[in-house]
Protein backbone atom coordinates (compact mmCIF):
# COMPACT_ATOMS: atom_id res chain seq x y z
CA MET A 1 14.09 26.03 -23.58
CA ASN A 2 15.16 22.96 -21.61
CA THR A 3 17.48 24.13 -18.84
CA ALA A 4 17.53 20.87 -16.86
CA PRO A 5 20.93 19.16 -16.69
CA VAL A 6 21.71 16.62 -19.40
CA LEU A 7 22.10 13.30 -17.61
CA GLN A 8 23.68 10.29 -19.25
CA LEU A 9 23.27 6.60 -18.48
CA PRO A 10 26.65 4.89 -17.98
CA ALA A 11 27.77 2.60 -20.78
CA LEU A 12 26.64 -0.99 -20.30
CA PRO A 13 29.07 -3.89 -20.23
CA GLN A 14 28.74 -6.12 -23.31
CA GLY A 15 25.81 -8.52 -22.98
CA GLN A 16 24.11 -6.58 -20.13
CA ALA A 17 20.60 -5.26 -20.73
CA TYR A 18 18.34 -2.74 -19.03
CA ARG A 19 14.62 -3.50 -19.18
CA PHE A 20 12.08 -1.82 -16.90
CA HIS A 21 8.71 -0.13 -17.03
CA ALA A 22 7.63 3.32 -15.89
CA MET A 23 4.10 4.56 -15.32
CA ILE A 24 3.83 8.30 -15.89
CA LYS A 25 1.42 10.56 -13.99
CA PRO A 26 1.51 13.80 -16.02
CA SER A 27 -1.44 15.39 -14.19
CA GLY A 28 -0.49 13.95 -10.81
CA ALA A 29 -3.44 12.77 -8.76
CA GLU A 30 -6.00 15.11 -10.33
CA CYS A 31 -9.07 13.44 -11.80
CA ASN A 32 -12.38 14.53 -13.33
CA ILE A 33 -14.37 11.96 -11.32
CA ASP A 34 -14.33 10.91 -7.66
CA CYS A 35 -14.37 7.13 -7.22
CA ASP A 36 -14.95 6.01 -3.65
CA TYR A 37 -12.19 3.43 -3.82
CA CYS A 38 -9.50 5.54 -5.52
CA PHE A 39 -6.10 4.97 -3.90
CA TYR A 40 -4.49 7.98 -5.61
CA LEU A 41 -6.63 11.11 -5.22
CA HIS A 42 -5.16 11.89 -1.80
CA LYS A 43 -1.59 12.07 -3.18
CA THR A 44 -1.96 15.79 -3.90
CA GLU A 45 -2.12 16.54 -0.17
CA LEU A 46 0.19 13.72 0.89
CA LEU A 47 3.01 14.84 -1.41
CA ASP A 48 2.35 18.59 -0.98
CA HIS A 49 1.57 19.06 -4.66
CA GLN A 50 -0.13 22.19 -5.91
CA PRO A 51 -3.72 21.76 -7.14
CA HIS A 52 -4.00 21.34 -10.92
CA ALA A 53 -0.28 20.58 -11.21
CA ARG A 54 0.94 19.55 -14.64
CA MET A 55 4.11 17.99 -16.02
CA SER A 56 6.29 20.66 -17.61
CA ASP A 57 7.72 20.34 -21.10
CA GLU A 58 11.22 20.20 -19.59
CA THR A 59 10.38 17.30 -17.30
CA LEU A 60 8.48 15.53 -20.08
CA GLU A 61 11.50 15.70 -22.36
CA GLN A 62 13.84 14.53 -19.62
CA HIS A 63 11.61 11.56 -18.92
CA ILE A 64 11.15 10.53 -22.55
CA ARG A 65 14.84 10.83 -23.35
CA GLN A 66 15.98 8.98 -20.24
CA TYR A 67 13.35 6.25 -20.50
CA ILE A 68 14.37 5.48 -24.08
CA GLU A 69 18.06 5.67 -23.21
CA GLY A 70 17.55 3.37 -20.24
CA GLN A 71 16.05 0.58 -22.37
CA THR A 72 18.50 -1.52 -24.37
CA GLY A 73 15.82 -3.67 -25.97
CA ASP A 74 14.05 -2.95 -29.23
CA HIS A 75 10.64 -2.37 -27.62
CA VAL A 76 9.73 0.51 -25.27
CA VAL A 77 6.24 0.98 -23.78
CA PHE A 78 5.15 4.30 -22.29
CA SER A 79 2.21 4.08 -19.87
CA TRP A 80 0.20 7.22 -19.13
CA GLN A 81 -1.99 7.20 -16.05
CA GLY A 82 -3.16 9.42 -13.22
CA GLY A 83 -5.37 10.67 -11.74
CA GLU A 84 -6.78 11.11 -15.22
CA PRO A 85 -4.14 11.66 -17.94
CA THR A 86 -6.58 13.05 -20.53
CA LEU A 87 -6.74 16.21 -18.37
CA MET A 88 -3.40 17.11 -19.98
CA GLY A 89 -5.18 17.72 -23.29
CA LEU A 90 -4.33 16.53 -26.79
CA ALA A 91 -1.58 19.09 -27.33
CA PHE A 92 0.44 17.45 -24.54
CA PHE A 93 0.20 14.03 -26.14
CA GLU A 94 1.03 15.44 -29.57
CA ARG A 95 4.22 16.68 -27.93
CA VAL A 96 4.74 13.21 -26.45
CA VAL A 97 4.81 11.48 -29.83
CA GLU A 98 7.01 14.26 -31.23
CA LEU A 99 9.60 13.75 -28.49
CA GLN A 100 9.43 9.99 -28.79
CA ALA A 101 10.24 10.25 -32.49
CA LYS A 102 13.11 12.60 -31.65
CA TYR A 103 14.80 10.23 -29.18
CA ALA A 104 13.87 6.78 -30.52
CA LYS A 105 16.88 4.59 -31.27
CA PRO A 106 17.24 3.11 -34.78
CA GLY A 107 14.98 0.08 -35.17
CA GLN A 108 13.34 0.66 -31.79
CA LYS A 109 9.56 0.24 -31.49
CA ILE A 110 7.87 2.86 -29.32
CA GLU A 111 4.37 2.14 -28.00
CA ASN A 112 1.98 4.00 -25.72
CA ASP A 113 -0.87 2.94 -23.50
CA LEU A 114 -3.33 5.24 -21.77
CA GLN A 115 -5.42 4.34 -18.74
CA THR A 116 -8.58 6.43 -18.60
CA ASN A 117 -12.07 6.63 -17.15
CA GLY A 118 -13.30 7.50 -20.65
CA ILE A 119 -15.10 10.73 -19.74
CA ALA A 120 -13.04 12.91 -22.11
CA LEU A 121 -12.82 10.51 -25.07
CA ASP A 122 -14.57 12.48 -27.79
CA ASP A 123 -14.11 11.96 -31.55
CA GLU A 124 -10.95 14.07 -31.66
CA TRP A 125 -9.33 12.08 -28.87
CA VAL A 126 -10.26 8.76 -30.45
CA ALA A 127 -8.88 9.85 -33.83
CA PHE A 128 -5.57 10.76 -32.18
CA LEU A 129 -5.37 7.44 -30.32
CA LYS A 130 -6.06 5.60 -33.58
CA GLN A 131 -3.53 7.60 -35.59
CA HIS A 132 -0.73 7.00 -33.10
CA ASN A 133 -1.58 3.40 -32.20
CA PHE A 134 -2.28 3.98 -28.52
CA MET A 135 -3.51 1.02 -26.50
CA VAL A 136 -6.26 2.13 -24.09
CA GLY A 137 -7.20 0.79 -20.67
CA LEU A 138 -10.83 1.74 -20.00
CA SER A 139 -12.07 1.51 -16.40
CA VAL A 140 -15.41 -0.29 -16.11
CA ASP A 141 -16.63 -2.37 -13.17
CA GLY A 142 -19.49 -4.26 -14.84
CA PRO A 143 -23.06 -3.36 -15.87
CA ALA A 144 -24.52 -0.02 -14.85
CA ALA A 145 -25.76 -0.78 -11.33
CA LEU A 146 -22.46 -2.36 -10.31
CA HIS A 147 -20.23 0.14 -12.10
CA ASN A 148 -22.04 3.13 -10.61
CA THR A 149 -21.74 1.85 -7.02
CA TYR A 150 -18.34 3.44 -6.48
CA ARG A 151 -17.52 5.28 -9.72
CA LYS A 152 -19.18 8.70 -9.48
CA THR A 153 -18.61 12.16 -10.91
CA ARG A 154 -17.32 14.88 -8.62
CA ASN A 155 -20.91 15.98 -7.97
CA GLY A 156 -22.05 12.43 -7.19
CA LYS A 157 -23.62 11.44 -10.50
CA ASP A 158 -23.29 8.09 -12.27
CA THR A 159 -20.51 7.58 -14.83
CA PHE A 160 -21.60 4.39 -16.61
CA ASP A 161 -23.19 6.06 -19.64
CA PHE A 162 -20.01 8.05 -20.30
CA VAL A 163 -17.89 4.90 -20.17
CA LEU A 164 -20.20 2.95 -22.45
CA ALA A 165 -20.19 5.81 -24.96
CA ALA A 166 -16.37 5.86 -24.88
CA ALA A 167 -16.23 2.09 -25.44
CA LYS A 168 -18.50 2.39 -28.47
CA LYS A 169 -16.28 5.12 -29.96
CA LEU A 170 -13.18 3.00 -29.46
CA VAL A 171 -14.82 -0.04 -31.04
CA ALA A 172 -16.07 1.98 -34.03
CA ALA A 173 -12.61 3.44 -34.63
CA GLU A 174 -10.91 0.06 -34.08
CA VAL A 175 -8.75 1.42 -31.27
CA PRO A 176 -7.50 -1.53 -29.20
CA PHE A 177 -8.50 -1.34 -25.56
CA ALA A 178 -8.77 -3.42 -22.41
CA ALA A 179 -11.57 -3.36 -19.85
CA LEU A 180 -10.04 -2.59 -16.46
CA CYS A 181 -12.32 -3.94 -13.74
CA VAL A 182 -11.76 -3.22 -10.05
CA VAL A 183 -13.12 -6.17 -8.08
CA ASN A 184 -14.61 -4.57 -4.99
CA ARG A 185 -16.80 -5.60 -2.07
CA THR A 186 -19.98 -5.24 -4.14
CA ASN A 187 -19.34 -6.51 -7.67
CA ALA A 188 -17.33 -9.48 -6.34
CA ARG A 189 -20.66 -11.04 -5.39
CA HIS A 190 -21.83 -11.00 -9.02
CA PRO A 191 -19.05 -12.77 -10.94
CA LYS A 192 -20.97 -14.12 -13.93
CA GLU A 193 -22.92 -10.91 -14.41
CA VAL A 194 -19.71 -8.85 -14.38
CA TYR A 195 -17.78 -11.19 -16.64
CA ARG A 196 -20.51 -11.69 -19.24
CA PHE A 197 -21.01 -7.93 -19.49
CA LEU A 198 -17.30 -7.28 -19.99
CA ALA A 199 -16.89 -10.17 -22.42
CA ASP A 200 -20.04 -9.58 -24.47
CA GLU A 201 -21.10 -5.95 -24.21
CA ILE A 202 -18.03 -3.69 -23.92
CA GLY A 203 -16.44 -4.74 -27.20
CA THR A 204 -12.97 -5.89 -26.21
CA TRP A 205 -11.31 -9.28 -25.86
CA ARG A 206 -8.96 -8.05 -23.11
CA ILE A 207 -10.09 -8.00 -19.46
CA GLN A 208 -7.98 -7.06 -16.47
CA PHE A 209 -9.22 -7.76 -12.95
CA THR A 210 -7.66 -5.84 -10.04
CA PRO A 211 -8.74 -6.42 -6.43
CA ALA A 212 -9.72 -3.35 -4.39
CA VAL A 213 -7.69 -3.64 -1.18
CA GLU A 214 -6.54 -0.76 0.98
CA PRO A 215 -5.89 -0.52 4.71
CA ARG A 216 -8.09 1.95 6.60
CA VAL A 217 -5.10 4.25 7.10
CA PHE A 218 -3.93 4.22 3.46
CA LYS A 219 -4.24 8.00 3.16
CA GLN A 220 -1.68 8.51 5.92
CA ALA A 221 0.50 5.39 6.20
CA ALA A 222 2.63 3.78 3.50
CA PRO A 223 2.48 0.06 2.71
CA GLY A 224 5.09 -1.85 4.63
CA LYS A 225 5.20 0.86 7.31
CA LEU A 226 2.05 -0.13 9.19
CA ASP A 227 2.07 -1.28 12.81
CA ARG A 228 2.27 -5.06 12.40
CA SER A 229 1.74 -5.79 16.08
CA ASP A 230 -1.97 -5.09 15.71
CA ALA A 231 -2.42 -6.99 12.43
CA PRO A 232 -5.33 -9.46 12.61
CA LYS A 233 -4.90 -13.16 11.96
CA GLN A 234 -6.13 -14.79 8.76
CA ASP A 235 -9.86 -15.63 8.81
CA SER A 236 -10.55 -13.37 11.80
CA SER A 237 -13.41 -10.87 11.59
CA ARG A 238 -10.98 -7.95 11.50
CA ALA A 239 -9.35 -9.48 8.42
CA ARG A 240 -12.51 -8.78 6.42
CA PRO A 241 -14.31 -5.58 5.38
CA GLY A 242 -17.32 -4.41 7.35
CA HIS A 243 -16.01 -4.94 10.89
CA PRO A 244 -15.73 -1.64 12.84
CA LEU A 245 -12.08 -2.45 13.55
CA SER A 246 -11.32 -4.06 10.19
CA VAL A 247 -7.81 -3.69 8.84
CA VAL A 248 -9.26 -2.62 5.45
CA THR A 249 -11.73 -0.08 4.10
CA ASP A 250 -15.39 -0.99 3.75
CA TRP A 251 -15.17 -1.07 -0.05
CA SER A 252 -12.25 -3.52 -0.09
CA VAL A 253 -13.13 -6.90 -1.52
CA ASP A 254 -13.69 -9.72 0.98
CA PRO A 255 -10.87 -12.25 0.49
CA ASP A 256 -13.18 -15.25 0.22
CA ASP A 257 -15.52 -13.37 -2.13
CA TYR A 258 -12.48 -12.63 -4.30
CA GLY A 259 -11.62 -16.31 -4.51
CA SER A 260 -15.21 -17.20 -5.33
CA PHE A 261 -15.37 -14.44 -7.94
CA LEU A 262 -12.22 -15.63 -9.74
CA SER A 263 -13.32 -19.27 -9.55
CA ALA A 264 -16.76 -18.55 -11.00
CA VAL A 265 -15.35 -16.36 -13.76
CA TRP A 266 -12.74 -19.02 -14.55
CA ASP A 267 -15.47 -21.64 -15.00
CA GLU A 268 -17.44 -19.36 -17.30
CA TRP A 269 -14.33 -18.34 -19.26
CA LEU A 270 -13.13 -21.92 -19.66
CA ALA A 271 -16.54 -23.16 -20.79
CA THR A 272 -17.28 -20.40 -23.29
CA ASP A 273 -14.33 -18.12 -24.03
CA PHE A 274 -11.06 -20.02 -23.75
CA GLY A 275 -8.86 -18.76 -26.60
CA ARG A 276 -11.21 -15.83 -27.32
CA ILE A 277 -11.03 -13.62 -24.23
CA HIS A 278 -7.74 -12.68 -22.57
CA VAL A 279 -8.09 -12.41 -18.77
CA ASN A 280 -4.88 -11.21 -17.15
CA LEU A 281 -4.92 -13.46 -14.07
CA PHE A 282 -5.91 -16.55 -16.02
CA GLU A 283 -3.32 -16.13 -18.75
CA THR A 284 -0.52 -15.67 -16.26
CA ALA A 285 -1.66 -18.69 -14.21
CA VAL A 286 -1.45 -20.90 -17.31
CA ALA A 287 1.94 -19.45 -18.28
CA GLN A 288 3.38 -19.90 -14.78
CA ALA A 289 2.03 -23.44 -14.47
CA ALA A 290 3.89 -24.21 -17.70
CA GLY A 291 7.12 -22.89 -16.19
CA MET A 292 7.08 -19.56 -18.03
CA PRO A 293 7.60 -16.14 -16.41
CA ALA A 294 4.65 -14.39 -14.80
CA GLN A 295 2.81 -11.94 -17.03
CA THR A 296 1.75 -9.71 -14.13
CA CYS A 297 3.92 -8.05 -11.50
CA THR A 298 1.60 -9.13 -8.69
CA GLN A 299 2.16 -12.81 -9.45
CA SER A 300 5.91 -12.48 -10.08
CA GLU A 301 8.59 -13.79 -7.75
CA PHE A 302 10.19 -10.34 -7.61
CA CYS A 303 8.93 -6.82 -8.31
CA GLY A 304 10.58 -3.42 -8.64
CA LYS A 305 10.76 -3.19 -12.44
CA GLY A 306 7.69 -0.93 -12.56
CA VAL A 307 8.47 2.54 -11.23
CA VAL A 308 6.26 5.63 -11.21
CA VAL A 309 7.19 9.06 -12.52
CA GLU A 310 5.08 11.85 -11.03
CA HIS A 311 4.29 15.13 -12.80
CA ASP A 312 7.24 16.91 -11.17
CA GLY A 313 9.74 14.20 -12.13
CA ASP A 314 9.80 12.46 -8.74
CA VAL A 315 10.29 8.71 -9.09
CA PHE A 316 8.73 6.17 -6.73
CA SER A 317 9.24 2.43 -6.35
CA CYS A 318 5.74 1.44 -7.54
CA ASP A 319 2.30 2.81 -8.39
CA HIS A 320 0.96 1.58 -5.03
CA PHE A 321 3.97 2.89 -3.11
CA VAL A 322 3.77 6.58 -4.01
CA TYR A 323 4.57 7.74 -0.50
CA PRO A 324 7.51 9.87 0.70
CA GLU A 325 9.19 6.77 2.16
CA TYR A 326 9.42 5.19 -1.30
CA LYS A 327 10.71 8.10 -3.33
CA ILE A 328 13.94 7.03 -5.05
CA GLY A 329 14.88 10.20 -6.93
CA ASN A 330 13.89 12.71 -9.60
CA VAL A 331 14.53 12.60 -13.35
CA ASN A 332 15.73 16.20 -13.28
CA GLU A 333 18.52 15.21 -10.90
CA SER A 334 19.32 11.55 -11.65
CA HIS A 335 18.98 9.35 -14.70
CA LEU A 336 15.81 7.25 -14.66
CA GLY A 337 17.77 4.16 -15.70
CA ASP A 338 20.10 4.54 -12.72
CA LEU A 339 17.13 4.96 -10.36
CA ALA A 340 15.31 1.92 -11.71
CA PHE A 341 18.39 -0.26 -11.15
CA SER A 342 19.61 1.35 -7.94
CA ALA A 343 20.45 -0.69 -4.85
CA VAL A 344 17.42 0.75 -3.05
CA GLN A 345 15.06 -0.31 -5.82
CA GLU A 346 16.70 -3.70 -6.15
CA LYS A 347 16.11 -4.35 -2.44
CA PHE A 348 12.50 -3.22 -2.83
CA GLY A 349 12.00 -5.75 -5.60
CA MET A 350 13.80 -8.62 -3.87
CA ASP A 351 11.87 -8.08 -0.63
CA LYS A 352 8.73 -9.34 -2.37
CA ARG A 353 10.12 -12.87 -2.14
CA ASN A 354 12.52 -12.49 0.77
CA THR A 355 9.93 -11.33 3.30
CA LEU A 356 7.28 -13.99 2.65
CA PRO A 357 5.98 -15.72 5.79
CA LYS A 358 6.52 -19.45 6.26
CA GLN A 359 2.91 -20.17 5.37
CA CYS A 360 3.62 -18.91 1.85
CA GLY A 361 6.84 -20.90 1.57
CA ASP A 362 4.95 -24.07 2.45
CA CYS A 363 2.04 -23.38 0.09
CA ASP A 364 1.36 -25.68 -2.87
CA TYR A 365 0.66 -22.63 -5.03
CA LEU A 366 3.62 -20.46 -4.10
CA LYS A 367 4.93 -20.36 -7.68
CA LEU A 368 1.60 -19.15 -9.02
CA CYS A 369 1.13 -16.45 -6.40
CA TRP A 370 4.42 -15.42 -4.73
CA GLY A 371 2.47 -13.61 -2.06
CA GLU A 372 0.65 -11.38 -4.58
CA CYS A 373 1.24 -7.63 -4.22
CA PRO A 374 3.36 -6.57 -1.20
CA LYS A 375 0.98 -3.68 -0.55
CA ASN A 376 -1.68 -6.20 0.46
CA ARG A 377 0.38 -7.97 3.12
CA LEU A 378 -1.77 -6.69 5.94
CA ILE A 379 -2.54 -9.69 8.13
CA ARG A 380 -0.83 -12.44 10.14
CA SER A 381 -0.67 -16.08 9.15
CA LYS A 382 -2.56 -18.74 11.07
CA ASP A 383 0.46 -19.26 13.34
CA GLY A 384 0.76 -15.51 13.99
CA GLU A 385 3.58 -14.51 11.62
CA PRO A 386 3.07 -11.03 10.11
CA GLY A 387 3.29 -10.22 6.42
CA LEU A 388 0.60 -12.50 5.02
CA ASN A 389 -1.40 -11.23 2.07
CA TYR A 390 -4.92 -10.11 2.97
CA LEU A 391 -6.24 -12.04 -0.07
CA CYS A 392 -4.50 -15.30 0.84
CA SER A 393 -7.56 -17.44 1.59
CA GLY A 394 -9.30 -16.36 -1.61
CA LEU A 395 -6.25 -16.82 -3.80
CA TYR A 396 -5.59 -20.26 -2.33
CA ALA A 397 -9.19 -21.30 -2.99
CA PHE A 398 -8.95 -20.04 -6.58
CA TYR A 399 -5.71 -21.87 -7.35
CA LYS A 400 -7.05 -25.06 -5.78
CA HIS A 401 -10.23 -24.71 -7.83
CA ILE A 402 -8.41 -24.39 -11.17
CA ASP A 403 -5.77 -27.04 -10.44
CA PRO A 404 -7.54 -29.95 -12.25
CA ASP A 405 -8.41 -27.72 -15.22
CA MET A 406 -4.83 -26.48 -15.45
CA VAL A 407 -3.53 -30.00 -15.99
CA LYS A 408 -5.99 -30.50 -18.86
CA ILE A 409 -5.10 -27.13 -20.42
CA LEU A 410 -1.36 -27.79 -20.31
CA ARG A 411 -1.84 -31.19 -21.90
CA LYS A 412 -4.07 -29.70 -24.57
CA LEU A 413 -1.38 -27.11 -25.34
CA ASN A 414 1.35 -29.78 -25.25
CA LEU A 415 3.00 -28.00 -22.34
CA LEU A 416 2.87 -30.92 -19.91
């Protein structure tokens, strides 16, 4: 029986709308593999969670009810992540769709997406995902040698074969999925090899690139709370991976390699796959250049509309800010809609733009980048101002590289 208090979202003034996104971590940080570059596995210790913690039925129902109540639009997307969300088992997700049907508003479309490493996706799982129209995000970092560099099982074995088998099952069952590729220090040096594998071999037309960037102290210190007095300047040796005193981990992507990677993939995509393959960073660049809103939070002017709900109902400002300093409440004590639009969360979102260094404000590509993700603002600008994004040099090179092509694309699409 659900004994948690029934919390109600205040009535909205006419014409006002709530729209936000929540990423749910029903199994907390627990995972069935042990990727070297994972930014989340340590959360169990950091947040004093019990091992093998799971979201209770009471908290699940509170979240689903509040999340649906808090959205005034006709489209609600639930995102299930971890750790590894398939550790919850199929019975949990059968309960999810049952509760969503219970609380859905008339005419409202409820959708689900599931981010997974693919290890547990057997025939039964795939049939469920197909039946209930789940969109899947499948983590894969390129062909076997590159994928297996950092993505290992808990006993150190390779995971590529499991992922490829999962992809084949999804393709056979016609379950829509995206390839989620972490661009790290190693695979960033093989852009065409990575891209062609994802575009030709995995079986999806959706590719999402995410840069691997974490400060050396990410397991202890929260983003935005680091000692800025010791931050290295842009282009210095400490502003790259591999230096003994580097600001980032050894597996973090080199900023210039990241720019070269994106530029090379762009050239390949534009020459062979424009209109066929959807690449998240390319699609949003075209949209933003045409004056449309960003399609990714990292390239948006503001953030804060993407909160995280942990297994115990705790709510944090963002997936990359799950630290005690960024906890904004709990769904068993406050309504999720109120938390998402609280003054604290609003300031968090506005700070993305309001704390940009002058170098960003003066940049020709500000409106395509907006300083990227605030978690990556680890270095100082060339004139010494703190708060510059670690990836700045690479992102600038990428946007400069695609500038001439962008003009041609916008004219072709009658957007210029």
